[in-house]
Amino acid sequence: MISILKSKVQKNFALAFCVINKEGKVVFASPAWQALDVQQQERTIQAPTYEFVCWSNHYYQKIAFEEEGHTQIYLVPADDYFQVLQENEKLKVEIAETKQKINTFIQKSPYPLLVVNKEDGKIIFANQLLLDLFKIPLAAFYKGLFFKQLFSLEQAEQLLQKIYAEKNIDSYTLQISIAEKTRWLIVRAFHFELESLKGFIVSFVDISEIKEKEIQIMELNEEIHAQNEELRQTNDVLHSLYEAVDRSYKEIRDSLISGQRIQKLITQAFKLGDYLPREHFFHILKPHSYVSGDFFWLQRKGDFLYIAVGDATGHGVSGGLLATTFSVLLSQFFNTVQTPDQIHIALSSVHNAFLTSFLNSATEINVDGADLFVVALPLNGQKFFYYTAAHAKAILKDPFLLPAKYSVLRGEKYPVGFYVEGQTLPSYRTYRVEFSENTTLFLFTDGIPDMINAAGKKLGIKGFIKLLESWGEIPILELESRLLEAINNNYQPEGHQNDDIQVVGIQLPLNL
């Protein structure tokens, strides 16, 4: 038991956990574990790793790993986490069903009908009667059709001004040319505003024959009034459906925010500020959708600080689950590293453990895993460090490096968790790098080089280096501000972020 308590893996005695020896006997148990009854303890021990278990109407996630011949089992509180997963799947189904109902309702409408997004004027729903009326191919609608494309520019502007000014239009006669033939249409429009969508519903009645046969106008006016009332009812139904979609959107957003809090709780132990002065580093992490597939891990052993920057497959909830898994595996297998030139051993152990846990006999290929860059930095002022990498890169800025100040550090080309049946991959290796005074090391995930500016151009590794070169010699904290400004203003058009973004900058050497 003494050797177990001296383990390098930090233990939280507030959690329910126990330690089992090779013979399957519990040799250590936290007070919270002892509070469980025997049946709860046995069922937890038998449950698969990372499985959810429920006790007293609360959910916990089992996390287990081996260390020095013993198996450690933890029960991590996961009520919010489990609820996020359950509600997320439920809400996805509800939103899909609601959208299908909206589309079905419009398609079954007896009138040419469309729904327009006020923000950009794009037609988001239209039935076949509308497409037939304006002679629009279905393929053109799917590519993206805007309200102004249905009319001449002048007519479109006049009609939009009328809709915005009057909110609801009961009857407006419009004369246009469709397929080189003059048509008269009666236009009705109803304006709506929801939190997630603002726009208007527009219907058309072709009265070309009425214009040509004035004798029928009186009879058709009565029909028009009846249709107008039906369209008012249509607006009420559509408004209700949009409100349902809006509520679903809010619930998904709230669930993701809860998942974000859980991930921050798990990763709050890994802070560079606990080991380095603030003027020596910066750390930027911008999740794509609340929960991040990018992750950060570090641990000090002796005179070296070991740092890992990783990018798990995907983002959002699925990426966050994988990111948490790899952080746990790194903590589990880091005890295999005795000296900094052996960090590839931990990387190989994480790779093998992941494949053992997630693959089965039927798996022929697996691409889910993580890009990972692990570096061992000396804290005693020495001017060298070690690194190992799995499908990840880093940038070193050394003022005395020739012919250029910047070099790209690379490792093996396949990520952790990559597997192809029958193929033997090269082993991970540890590399030693020497550097000069005032050197800066940049660790990052592919969210940085994959950023796209407003012109649709990807930044890339070379573009990232040119961006750093353009700022010259500035302090590390000012460099952080410049980089954040570039990310927010130049490489996220209209606020869109296409992936998780993470970058760490460290000023070397370190003498702490």
Protein backbone atom coordinates (compact mmCIF):
# COMPACT_ATOMS: atom_id res chain seq x y z
CA MET A 1 0.00 0.00 0.00
CA ILE A 2 2.89 2.39 0.69
CA SER A 3 4.12 2.26 -2.92
CA ILE A 4 0.63 2.97 -4.18
CA LEU A 5 0.25 6.07 -2.06
CA LYS A 6 3.57 7.36 -3.44
CA SER A 7 2.25 7.14 -7.00
CA LYS A 8 2.92 10.11 -9.28
CA VAL A 9 -0.76 10.15 -10.28
CA GLN A 10 -2.48 12.79 -8.16
CA LYS A 11 -5.38 11.38 -6.10
CA ASN A 12 -8.52 13.20 -5.00
CA PHE A 13 -9.65 11.61 -1.74
CA ALA A 14 -13.02 13.32 -2.07
CA LEU A 15 -13.82 10.86 -4.90
CA ALA A 16 -14.89 7.27 -4.47
CA PHE A 17 -11.89 5.18 -5.53
CA CYS A 18 -10.08 1.99 -4.64
CA VAL A 19 -6.88 0.09 -5.50
CA ILE A 20 -6.97 -3.60 -6.43
CA ASN A 21 -3.90 -5.87 -6.47
CA LYS A 22 -3.10 -8.60 -8.99
CA GLU A 23 -5.13 -11.15 -6.99
CA GLY A 24 -8.26 -8.98 -7.29
CA LYS A 25 -8.22 -7.91 -3.64
CA VAL A 26 -8.99 -4.33 -2.63
CA VAL A 27 -5.86 -3.06 -0.84
CA PHE A 28 -6.86 0.57 -0.51
CA ALA A 29 -10.18 2.45 -0.54
CA SER A 30 -11.10 6.09 -0.07
CA PRO A 31 -13.76 7.03 2.52
CA ALA A 32 -16.24 7.71 -0.28
CA TRP A 33 -15.65 4.20 -1.67
CA GLN A 34 -16.10 2.65 1.76
CA ALA A 35 -19.46 4.44 2.02
CA LEU A 36 -20.78 2.36 -0.91
CA ASP A 37 -22.50 -0.88 -0.04
CA VAL A 38 -20.91 -4.17 -1.13
CA GLN A 39 -23.26 -4.61 -4.09
CA GLN A 40 -22.41 -1.15 -5.39
CA GLN A 41 -18.68 -1.84 -5.03
CA GLU A 42 -18.88 -5.17 -6.86
CA ARG A 43 -20.99 -3.81 -9.73
CA THR A 44 -18.61 -0.87 -10.14
CA ILE A 45 -15.55 -3.15 -10.26
CA GLN A 46 -17.22 -5.36 -12.90
CA ALA A 47 -18.38 -2.42 -15.07
CA PRO A 48 -16.29 -1.59 -18.20
CA THR A 49 -13.88 1.35 -18.04
CA TYR A 50 -15.51 4.73 -18.84
CA GLU A 51 -18.97 3.16 -18.32
CA PHE A 52 -21.65 5.19 -16.52
CA VAL A 53 -23.08 3.75 -13.29
CA CYS A 54 -26.04 5.05 -11.35
CA TRP A 55 -26.29 5.11 -7.56
CA SER A 56 -29.00 6.91 -5.56
CA ASN A 57 -30.29 8.67 -8.69
CA HIS A 58 -26.82 10.08 -9.48
CA TYR A 59 -24.58 9.11 -12.41
CA TYR A 60 -20.84 8.45 -12.16
CA GLN A 61 -18.26 7.53 -14.77
CA LYS A 62 -15.86 4.70 -14.02
CA ILE A 63 -12.20 5.42 -14.83
CA ALA A 64 -9.67 2.62 -14.29
CA PHE A 65 -6.00 2.15 -15.08
CA GLU A 66 -3.06 0.07 -13.96
CA GLU A 67 -0.05 1.43 -12.11
CA GLU A 68 2.83 -0.60 -10.64
CA GLY A 69 0.89 -3.83 -10.96
CA HIS A 70 -2.23 -2.50 -9.26
CA THR A 71 -5.55 -1.39 -10.78
CA GLN A 72 -6.94 1.98 -9.66
CA ILE A 73 -10.70 2.50 -10.03
CA TYR A 74 -12.31 5.96 -9.74
CA LEU A 75 -15.97 7.03 -9.73
CA VAL A 76 -16.11 10.56 -11.17
CA PRO A 77 -19.41 12.49 -10.68
CA ALA A 78 -21.03 12.78 -14.12
CA ASP A 79 -24.67 13.85 -13.68
CA ASP A 80 -24.30 16.88 -15.98
CA TYR A 81 -22.06 14.99 -18.40
CA PHE A 82 -24.52 12.08 -18.73
CA GLN A 83 -27.44 14.48 -19.06
CA VAL A 84 -25.61 16.39 -21.82
CA LEU A 85 -25.18 13.21 -23.86
CA GLN A 86 -28.80 12.08 -23.37
CA GLU A 87 -30.37 15.45 -24.08
CA ASN A 88 -28.08 16.15 -27.01
CA GLU A 89 -29.27 13.02 -28.84
CA LYS A 90 -32.89 13.72 -27.97
CA LEU A 91 -32.73 17.33 -29.16
CA LYS A 92 -31.09 16.36 -32.44
CA VAL A 93 -34.03 14.08 -33.17
CA GLU A 94 -36.58 16.74 -32.17
CA ILE A 95 -35.00 19.43 -34.35
CA ALA A 96 -34.83 17.09 -37.34
CA GLU A 97 -38.48 16.15 -36.87
CA THR A 98 -39.53 19.80 -36.52
CA LYS A 99 -37.71 20.81 -39.67
CA GLN A 100 -39.30 17.90 -41.50
CA LYS A 101 -42.74 19.02 -40.34
CA ILE A 102 -42.09 22.55 -41.59
CA ASN A 103 -40.93 21.30 -44.97
CA THR A 104 -43.87 18.86 -45.26
CA PHE A 105 -46.36 21.58 -44.36
CA ILE A 106 -45.00 23.94 -47.01
CA GLN A 107 -44.85 21.24 -49.68
CA LYS A 108 -48.54 20.36 -49.05
CA SER A 109 -49.67 23.99 -49.19
CA PRO A 110 -52.07 24.58 -52.14
CA TYR A 111 -50.37 27.90 -52.89
CA PRO A 112 -46.90 28.90 -54.15
CA LEU A 113 -45.15 29.60 -50.86
CA LEU A 114 -41.65 30.55 -49.66
CA VAL A 115 -39.88 31.56 -46.43
CA VAL A 116 -37.09 34.17 -46.54
CA ASN A 117 -34.32 34.81 -44.01
CA LYS A 118 -34.29 38.55 -43.25
CA GLU A 119 -30.55 38.62 -42.44
CA ASP A 120 -29.33 37.70 -45.92
CA GLY A 121 -32.49 37.51 -48.05
CA LYS A 122 -31.96 33.80 -48.78
CA ILE A 123 -34.96 31.57 -49.50
CA ILE A 124 -34.80 28.78 -46.90
CA PHE A 125 -38.06 26.98 -47.74
CA ALA A 126 -40.09 26.84 -50.97
CA ASN A 127 -42.65 24.39 -52.35
CA GLN A 128 -42.79 22.91 -55.82
CA LEU A 129 -45.67 25.23 -56.84
CA LEU A 130 -43.39 28.22 -56.22
CA LEU A 131 -40.55 26.70 -58.26
CA ASP A 132 -42.95 25.89 -61.11
CA LEU A 133 -44.42 29.40 -61.06
CA PHE A 134 -41.03 31.09 -61.44
CA LYS A 135 -39.58 28.36 -63.71
CA ILE A 136 -36.78 27.60 -61.23
CA PRO A 137 -34.99 24.20 -61.48
CA LEU A 138 -34.85 22.27 -58.22
CA ALA A 139 -31.05 22.07 -58.52
CA ALA A 140 -30.81 25.88 -58.60
CA PHE A 141 -32.82 26.11 -55.37
CA TYR A 142 -30.56 23.63 -53.58
CA LYS A 143 -27.47 25.59 -54.67
CA GLY A 144 -28.87 28.68 -52.95
CA LEU A 145 -31.57 31.08 -54.14
CA PHE A 146 -32.16 34.64 -52.94
CA PHE A 147 -35.43 36.56 -52.89
CA LYS A 148 -34.08 39.31 -55.16
CA GLN A 149 -33.35 36.78 -57.91
CA LEU A 150 -37.08 36.27 -58.52
CA PHE A 151 -37.64 39.82 -59.80
CA SER A 152 -35.92 42.74 -61.45
CA LEU A 153 -33.65 44.70 -59.11
CA GLU A 154 -36.04 47.66 -58.97
CA GLN A 155 -39.09 45.49 -58.28
CA ALA A 156 -37.24 43.52 -55.62
CA GLU A 157 -36.15 46.68 -53.78
CA GLN A 158 -39.68 48.14 -53.89
CA LEU A 159 -41.25 44.93 -52.63
CA LEU A 160 -38.69 44.53 -49.81
CA GLN A 161 -39.20 48.14 -48.69
CA LYS A 162 -42.95 47.56 -48.59
CA ILE A 163 -42.57 44.33 -46.58
CA TYR A 164 -40.21 45.95 -44.06
CA ALA A 165 -42.38 49.06 -43.72
CA GLU A 166 -45.78 47.37 -43.39
CA LYS A 167 -44.72 44.06 -41.73
CA ASN A 168 -47.81 42.29 -43.18
CA ILE A 169 -49.05 42.68 -46.77
CA ASP A 170 -52.58 41.41 -47.43
CA SER A 171 -52.73 42.03 -51.16
CA TYR A 172 -50.16 43.59 -53.47
CA THR A 173 -50.36 43.23 -57.25
CA LEU A 174 -47.08 42.72 -59.03
CA GLN A 175 -46.49 42.60 -62.78
CA ILE A 176 -43.34 40.71 -63.81
CA SER A 177 -41.87 38.79 -66.73
CA ILE A 178 -41.35 35.04 -66.30
CA ALA A 179 -39.78 33.09 -69.17
CA GLU A 180 -40.37 36.14 -71.42
CA LYS A 181 -44.08 36.10 -70.62
CA THR A 182 -45.90 38.82 -68.68
CA ARG A 183 -47.55 37.59 -65.49
CA TRP A 184 -49.68 39.30 -62.83
CA LEU A 185 -49.24 38.06 -59.30
CA ILE A 186 -50.93 38.92 -56.02
CA VAL A 187 -48.33 38.95 -53.26
CA ARG A 188 -49.02 38.36 -49.57
CA ALA A 189 -46.30 38.65 -46.95
CA PHE A 190 -46.20 38.07 -43.21
CA HIS A 191 -43.25 39.22 -41.10
CA PHE A 192 -41.97 37.18 -38.11
CA GLU A 193 -39.17 37.51 -35.56
CA LEU A 194 -37.71 34.70 -33.45
CA GLU A 195 -34.50 34.66 -31.44
CA SER A 196 -32.75 32.35 -33.86
CA LEU A 197 -34.40 33.54 -37.09
CA LYS A 198 -35.98 36.70 -38.51
CA GLY A 199 -37.73 36.77 -41.84
CA PHE A 200 -41.00 36.78 -43.71
CA ILE A 201 -43.38 34.32 -45.36
CA VAL A 202 -44.48 35.19 -48.89
CA SER A 203 -47.20 33.60 -51.02
CA PHE A 204 -48.16 34.29 -54.62
CA VAL A 205 -51.40 33.94 -56.53
CA ASP A 206 -51.14 34.01 -60.30
CA ILE A 207 -53.96 36.26 -61.55
CA SER A 208 -52.77 36.54 -65.14
CA GLU A 209 -55.96 34.99 -66.43
CA ILE A 210 -57.99 37.34 -64.25
CA LYS A 211 -56.30 40.30 -65.84
CA GLU A 212 -57.06 38.89 -69.24
CA LYS A 213 -60.64 38.14 -68.28
CA GLU A 214 -61.89 41.10 -66.27
CA ILE A 215 -65.30 39.51 -66.05
CA GLN A 216 -64.03 36.99 -63.51
CA ILE A 217 -62.40 39.49 -61.15
CA MET A 218 -65.31 39.87 -58.72
CA GLU A 219 -65.67 36.12 -58.21
CA LEU A 220 -61.97 35.65 -57.71
CA ASN A 221 -61.76 38.50 -55.16
CA GLU A 222 -63.90 36.49 -52.78
CA GLU A 223 -61.60 33.51 -53.24
CA ILE A 224 -58.60 35.75 -52.62
CA HIS A 225 -60.00 36.87 -49.27
CA ALA A 226 -60.56 33.26 -48.29
CA GLN A 227 -57.01 32.38 -49.31
CA ASN A 228 -55.74 35.32 -47.32
CA GLU A 229 -57.35 33.96 -44.15
CA GLU A 230 -55.87 30.52 -44.81
CA LEU A 231 -52.46 32.10 -45.22
CA ARG A 232 -52.88 33.88 -41.90
CA GLN A 233 -53.52 30.50 -40.33
CA THR A 234 -50.49 29.13 -42.19
CA ASN A 235 -48.40 31.88 -40.65
CA ASP A 236 -49.60 30.92 -37.15
CA VAL A 237 -48.65 27.27 -37.72
CA LEU A 238 -45.24 28.14 -39.13
CA HIS A 239 -44.60 30.57 -36.31
CA SER A 240 -45.34 27.84 -33.76
CA LEU A 241 -43.01 25.45 -35.54
CA TYR A 242 -40.22 28.02 -35.62
CA GLU A 243 -40.69 28.66 -31.91
CA ALA A 244 -40.21 24.92 -31.31
CA VAL A 245 -36.96 25.00 -33.29
CA ASP A 246 -35.87 28.06 -31.34
CA ARG A 247 -36.50 26.35 -28.00
CA SER A 248 -34.57 23.28 -29.16
CA TYR A 249 -31.64 25.48 -30.14
CA LYS A 250 -31.56 27.06 -26.67
CA GLU A 251 -31.65 23.65 -24.97
CA ILE A 252 -28.74 22.35 -27.08
CA ARG A 253 -26.76 25.51 -26.34
CA ASP A 254 -27.38 25.16 -22.59
CA SER A 255 -26.31 21.49 -22.73
CA LEU A 256 -23.07 22.40 -24.51
CA ILE A 257 -22.33 25.13 -21.96
CA SER A 258 -22.74 22.51 -19.22
CA GLY A 259 -20.31 20.22 -21.08
CA GLN A 260 -17.87 23.11 -21.34
CA ARG A 261 -17.94 23.59 -17.55
CA ILE A 262 -17.26 19.88 -17.04
CA GLN A 263 -14.25 19.94 -19.39
CA LYS A 264 -12.82 23.02 -17.65
CA LEU A 265 -13.19 21.24 -14.31
CA ILE A 266 -11.28 18.21 -15.61
CA THR A 267 -8.44 20.25 -17.16
CA GLN A 268 -8.06 22.98 -14.51
CA ALA A 269 -5.10 21.09 -12.96
CA PHE A 270 -3.00 21.65 -16.11
CA LYS A 271 -1.98 25.33 -15.90
CA LEU A 272 1.34 26.68 -17.18
CA GLY A 273 1.02 29.55 -14.71
CA ASP A 274 1.56 27.09 -11.86
CA TYR A 275 5.08 26.39 -13.16
CA LEU A 276 6.27 29.38 -15.24
CA PRO A 277 6.33 33.18 -14.74
CA ARG A 278 3.60 34.89 -16.77
CA GLU A 279 6.13 36.83 -18.87
CA HIS A 280 7.59 33.53 -20.15
CA PHE A 281 4.50 32.09 -21.86
CA PHE A 282 1.04 32.48 -23.35
CA HIS A 283 -1.69 29.90 -23.95
CA ILE A 284 -4.62 30.47 -26.35
CA LEU A 285 -7.45 27.90 -26.49
CA LYS A 286 -10.63 28.72 -28.47
CA PRO A 287 -13.09 25.80 -28.76
CA HIS A 288 -15.08 25.47 -31.99
CA SER A 289 -18.35 24.69 -30.22
CA TYR A 290 -18.16 25.11 -26.44
CA VAL A 291 -16.49 21.71 -25.81
CA SER A 292 -13.03 21.35 -27.32
CA GLY A 293 -11.32 18.41 -29.02
CA ASP A 294 -8.00 20.21 -28.41
CA PHE A 295 -6.41 19.44 -25.06
CA PHE A 296 -3.42 20.49 -22.96
CA TRP A 297 -1.46 18.40 -20.42
CA LEU A 298 1.66 19.02 -18.35
CA GLN A 299 3.61 17.60 -15.42
CA ARG A 300 6.92 18.38 -13.76
CA LYS A 301 9.42 15.63 -12.99
CA GLY A 302 12.80 16.59 -11.60
CA ASP A 303 14.41 19.46 -13.52
CA PHE A 304 12.12 19.04 -16.56
CA LEU A 305 8.65 20.32 -17.36
CA TYR A 306 6.76 17.94 -19.67
CA ILE A 307 4.07 19.56 -21.85
CA ALA A 308 1.66 17.93 -24.32
CA VAL A 309 -0.51 19.78 -26.85
CA GLY A 310 -3.04 17.55 -28.60
CA ASP A 311 -5.92 17.59 -31.07
CA ALA A 312 -8.41 14.72 -30.75
CA THR A 313 -10.51 13.73 -33.75
CA GLY A 314 -13.58 15.96 -34.11
CA HIS A 315 -14.82 18.77 -31.91
CA GLY A 316 -17.84 19.39 -29.70
CA VAL A 317 -19.01 16.56 -27.43
CA SER A 318 -17.31 13.72 -29.36
CA GLY A 319 -13.99 15.57 -29.58
CA GLY A 320 -14.21 16.50 -25.89
CA LEU A 321 -14.69 12.85 -24.88
CA LEU A 322 -11.59 11.77 -26.83
CA ALA A 323 -9.58 14.72 -25.46
CA THR A 324 -10.43 13.71 -21.89
CA THR A 325 -9.51 10.09 -22.66
CA PHE A 326 -6.04 11.03 -23.93
CA SER A 327 -5.39 13.33 -20.96
CA VAL A 328 -6.16 10.42 -18.61
CA LEU A 329 -3.94 8.05 -20.64
CA LEU A 330 -1.03 10.51 -20.56
CA SER A 331 -1.28 10.76 -16.77
CA GLN A 332 -1.51 6.98 -16.52
CA PHE A 333 1.53 6.11 -18.62
CA PHE A 334 3.83 9.02 -17.81
CA ASN A 335 5.35 7.02 -14.94
CA THR A 336 7.09 4.92 -17.62
CA VAL A 337 9.29 7.95 -18.44
CA GLN A 338 12.44 7.84 -16.32
CA THR A 339 14.50 10.39 -18.28
CA PRO A 340 13.41 13.11 -20.75
CA ASP A 341 14.96 11.26 -23.71
CA GLN A 342 12.37 8.49 -23.15
CA ILE A 343 9.17 10.49 -23.69
CA HIS A 344 8.44 8.50 -26.84
CA ILE A 345 7.85 5.49 -24.57
CA ALA A 346 4.85 7.22 -22.96
CA LEU A 347 3.55 8.18 -26.41
CA SER A 348 3.80 4.56 -27.59
CA SER A 349 2.08 3.35 -24.41
CA VAL A 350 -0.83 5.77 -24.92
CA HIS A 351 -1.10 4.65 -28.56
CA ASN A 352 -1.17 0.94 -27.66
CA ALA A 353 -3.59 1.42 -24.75
CA PHE A 354 -6.00 3.36 -26.95
CA LEU A 355 -5.96 0.66 -29.65
CA THR A 356 -6.44 -2.08 -27.06
CA SER A 357 -9.46 -0.32 -25.54
CA PHE A 358 -11.23 0.91 -28.68
CA LEU A 359 -10.54 -1.64 -31.42
CA ASN A 360 -12.06 -5.07 -31.87
CA SER A 361 -11.31 -8.10 -34.04
CA ALA A 362 -13.48 -6.73 -36.87
CA THR A 363 -11.65 -3.41 -37.13
CA GLU A 364 -9.71 -3.04 -40.39
CA ILE A 365 -8.85 0.63 -40.18
CA ASN A 366 -9.17 3.33 -37.50
CA VAL A 367 -8.64 7.05 -38.01
CA ASP A 368 -10.07 8.28 -34.70
CA GLY A 369 -7.31 9.34 -32.34
CA ALA A 370 -5.21 12.43 -31.71
CA ASP A 371 -2.40 14.54 -33.15
CA LEU A 372 0.01 14.94 -30.24
CA PHE A 373 3.23 16.91 -29.61
CA VAL A 374 5.07 16.23 -26.31
CA VAL A 375 8.08 18.31 -25.22
CA ALA A 376 10.44 18.05 -22.21
CA LEU A 377 11.85 21.48 -21.25
CA PRO A 378 14.75 21.84 -18.77
CA LEU A 379 14.10 24.25 -15.90
CA ASN A 380 17.76 24.80 -14.94
CA GLY A 381 18.73 27.15 -17.77
CA GLN A 382 20.13 24.49 -20.14
CA LYS A 383 19.80 25.30 -23.85
CA PHE A 384 18.36 22.08 -25.19
CA PHE A 385 15.08 20.18 -24.97
CA TYR A 386 13.54 16.88 -26.08
CA TYR A 387 10.35 16.23 -28.02
CA THR A 388 8.31 13.47 -29.63
CA ALA A 389 5.39 13.96 -32.01
CA ALA A 390 2.53 12.05 -33.60
CA HIS A 391 1.24 13.75 -36.78
CA ALA A 392 1.91 17.13 -35.15
CA LYS A 393 4.36 19.99 -35.69
CA ALA A 394 5.90 22.82 -33.68
CA ILE A 395 7.78 25.99 -34.67
CA LEU A 396 11.09 27.10 -33.12
CA LYS A 397 12.16 30.74 -33.39
CA ASP A 398 15.92 30.91 -32.71
CA PRO A 399 17.57 34.33 -33.39
CA PHE A 400 20.85 32.63 -34.39
CA LEU A 401 19.30 29.92 -36.57
CA LEU A 402 20.50 30.08 -40.20
CA PRO A 403 19.51 30.61 -42.96
CA ALA A 404 16.24 31.70 -41.26
CA LYS A 405 15.23 32.25 -37.66
CA TYR A 406 12.30 29.81 -37.87
CA SER A 407 12.36 26.04 -38.18
CA VAL A 408 9.55 23.46 -38.16
CA LEU A 409 9.88 20.50 -35.76
CA ARG A 410 8.33 17.26 -37.01
CA GLY A 411 7.91 13.73 -35.70
CA GLU A 412 6.15 10.61 -36.99
CA LYS A 413 3.47 11.12 -39.64
CA TYR A 414 0.72 8.98 -38.10
CA PRO A 415 -1.46 10.13 -35.17
CA VAL A 416 -1.97 8.33 -31.89
CA GLY A 417 -4.70 5.71 -32.40
CA PHE A 418 -4.12 5.29 -36.16
CA TYR A 419 -4.45 1.66 -37.24
CA VAL A 420 -4.51 -0.24 -40.54
CA GLU A 421 -4.88 -4.01 -40.38
CA GLY A 422 -1.71 -5.81 -41.50
CA GLN A 423 0.41 -2.65 -41.61
CA THR A 424 3.36 -2.13 -39.25
CA LEU A 425 3.96 1.52 -38.44
CA PRO A 426 7.36 2.98 -37.47
CA SER A 427 8.01 3.50 -33.77
CA TYR A 428 7.76 6.91 -32.15
CA ARG A 429 11.13 8.53 -31.40
CA THR A 430 12.51 11.19 -29.07
CA TYR A 431 14.45 14.08 -30.66
CA ARG A 432 16.97 16.42 -28.97
CA VAL A 433 17.05 20.09 -30.03
CA GLU A 434 19.66 22.69 -29.06
CA PHE A 435 18.82 26.39 -29.11
CA SER A 436 20.24 29.85 -28.41
CA GLU A 437 19.39 32.62 -25.97
CA ASN A 438 15.98 34.35 -26.47
CA THR A 439 14.46 31.44 -28.36
CA THR A 440 10.66 30.99 -28.58
CA LEU A 441 8.89 27.63 -28.94
CA PHE A 442 5.38 27.56 -30.48
CA LEU A 443 3.20 24.48 -29.89
CA PHE A 444 -0.12 24.41 -31.79
CA THR A 445 -2.88 22.26 -33.25
CA ASP A 446 -4.05 22.25 -36.86
CA GLY A 447 -6.74 24.83 -36.05
CA ILE A 448 -4.04 27.51 -36.54
CA PRO A 449 -2.69 26.56 -40.03
CA ASP A 450 -6.23 25.61 -41.17
CA MET A 451 -7.66 29.08 -40.42
CA ILE A 452 -9.26 30.71 -43.48
CA ASN A 453 -9.43 34.47 -44.03
CA ALA A 454 -12.26 36.47 -45.60
CA ALA A 455 -10.79 35.87 -49.07
CA GLY A 456 -11.05 32.09 -48.55
CA LYS A 457 -7.28 31.58 -48.25
CA LYS A 458 -5.90 29.10 -45.71
CA LEU A 459 -3.12 30.39 -43.43
CA GLY A 460 -0.87 27.25 -43.51
CA ILE A 461 2.43 26.67 -41.68
CA LYS A 462 4.35 29.05 -43.96
CA GLY A 463 1.68 31.72 -43.50
CA PHE A 464 1.84 31.29 -39.73
CA ILE A 465 5.62 31.83 -39.79
CA LYS A 466 5.24 34.92 -42.03
CA LEU A 467 2.67 36.28 -39.56
CA LEU A 468 5.14 35.83 -36.68
CA GLU A 469 7.96 37.37 -38.74
CA SER A 470 5.83 40.44 -39.50
CA TRP A 471 5.71 41.38 -35.80
CA GLY A 472 9.48 41.34 -35.31
CA GLU A 473 11.05 41.09 -31.86
CA ILE A 474 8.30 41.76 -29.29
CA PRO A 475 7.67 40.45 -25.74
CA ILE A 476 5.79 37.17 -25.43
CA LEU A 477 2.67 38.80 -23.90
CA GLU A 478 2.42 41.37 -26.71
CA LEU A 479 2.83 38.49 -29.16
CA GLU A 480 -0.20 36.85 -27.55
CA SER A 481 -2.29 40.02 -28.04
CA ARG A 482 -1.25 40.34 -31.71
CA LEU A 483 -2.05 36.69 -32.39
CA LEU A 484 -5.48 36.90 -30.72
CA GLU A 485 -6.29 40.00 -32.77
CA ALA A 486 -5.28 38.24 -36.00
CA ILE A 487 -7.38 35.17 -35.13
CA ASN A 488 -10.48 37.18 -34.22
CA ASN A 489 -10.36 39.82 -36.97
CA ASN A 490 -8.63 38.31 -40.00
CA TYR A 491 -9.17 34.55 -39.91
CA GLN A 492 -12.75 34.10 -38.71
CA PRO A 493 -14.96 35.64 -41.46
CA GLU A 494 -18.27 36.82 -39.96
CA GLY A 495 -17.36 35.15 -36.67
CA HIS A 496 -17.13 31.66 -38.18
CA GLN A 497 -14.54 29.29 -36.68
CA ASN A 498 -13.99 26.05 -38.62
CA ASP A 499 -12.08 24.13 -35.93
CA ASP A 500 -10.77 24.22 -32.37
CA ILE A 501 -7.81 26.63 -32.09
CA GLN A 502 -4.91 26.17 -29.66
CA VAL A 503 -1.43 27.70 -29.59
CA VAL A 504 1.18 27.87 -26.80
CA GLY A 505 4.23 30.16 -26.86
CA ILE A 506 7.13 29.67 -24.42
CA GLN A 507 10.19 31.93 -24.06
CA LEU A 508 13.42 29.90 -23.65
CA PRO A 509 15.65 29.12 -21.81
CA LEU A 510 13.89 28.51 -18.49
CA ASN A 511 15.87 29.01 -15.29
CA LEU A 512 13.56 28.46 -12.34
